[in-house]
């Protein structure tokens, strides 16, 4: 017979599981962190990942981690992380985590569209201006200027501003965006040719009328998850990671543009044949459509909805070529209290990790040379400060839906909890 205490404990555990949406991110010294479980933790540099030692972070002011489409975005220049959509009751609030001081602050905002954030890749932080751009599916593109925030929230609310409508249809689109060379690329836009991505030019504040084609292995015209690969020197990123929902590959798309003259390519930071090119590495071991990703110049990391963490060492070499000899490895640490979706359609397969490998990366994604293995170098914030502001224009406002598949996973857990509660009530009666 189940006791009331046992039932309460079981239901409480399931409730925590429902609430926790996890993410991973690096600080500017390339220490890895995991957020959103029972506790947030620092996992350290890649040289320690073979036997990671997790240290708990501050809980004061942390997000509730209840948003379906939570994003954890690194502001490399400010050694800070901005959490978008971390609170399902107020998706417009931005939580700011200061890596150097291990502290949270909450940035209130105003004027957010009702359909803010329909995916885990819908918001992109522009490297140079510290402005968040979020494409909505009914209200167009919005921006939020965080140049005054840097690594701590300010007391007054910041205003979301409408920029413009996209040059492509967003009907039914699960936004999948990442930035390279001051351009935001939108992967998997419906009815776009495979191997092509639509583009928003940040510094001119406009959508290109046609999609940009990438040479090399063509990525599919399907949504998924996308992130940028930061550069060690804290310049704009040039490489993007795209993991489509069909898990055909992990695609590394590289872009560079001379902002003064688009026809000039001689001063590109890599071989000209890599401009607007796509290379591939293996698809993630855990093929979870709701997984979150993060990258350093040395590693690519995934956390799935079970709380399991996988990493790929040195996905991009210092010359921006990709080595196909690597593989995804599973970290011997899992986030407790993760949502979990083994019974839902979010996770197609979750194979066992392939072999074991050293956790240290062999090169940097930044141009020039880099150390073969990146050790933690403290958590002091970068000295540079994001500057400038992006132009804004007008856009219409409406609404769109959040990703429904994650709700299925939550529903499964909630249904189990209710079933257990009903069963327990019957036994107790």
Foldseek 3Di string as FASTA:
>chain_A
DDDPVNLVVVLVLLVLLLQFAKAWEAFLLGFIWIDGFPFTWTFFFLQCLQPTDTDGFDPPPDFSQRFLQWEWAYLNQLRKTWIARRHVVCRQKIWIARQQVRDIAIAAADDDFAAWAQHNAQWEQFRQQRKIWGQGQFWAIKIWGCLVQRRHYDDDHTYIAAFAHELAHCVVNNWAWEDAAQKIWTALRPPADFQWTWIARFQQRHTDNHTQHADDDTHGNAAAYKYFEAASVSDGGFWMWGQGLVQPFTKIFGAHADVVDRVDDPPPLADSSRHRYIDTEHGALWSFRRWYWYHYQFKIWIQHQQQWIKMWGCQAAQRRDGDHPIFIDTGPDGRHSGNDFPPFPRTPDRDHGDDDDRSFHQFGPHHDGDHGGRGRDHSDRRPDGRDDDTDGDHTGGDHDHHDCRSVVSSVVSVVVSVVSVVVVVVVVD
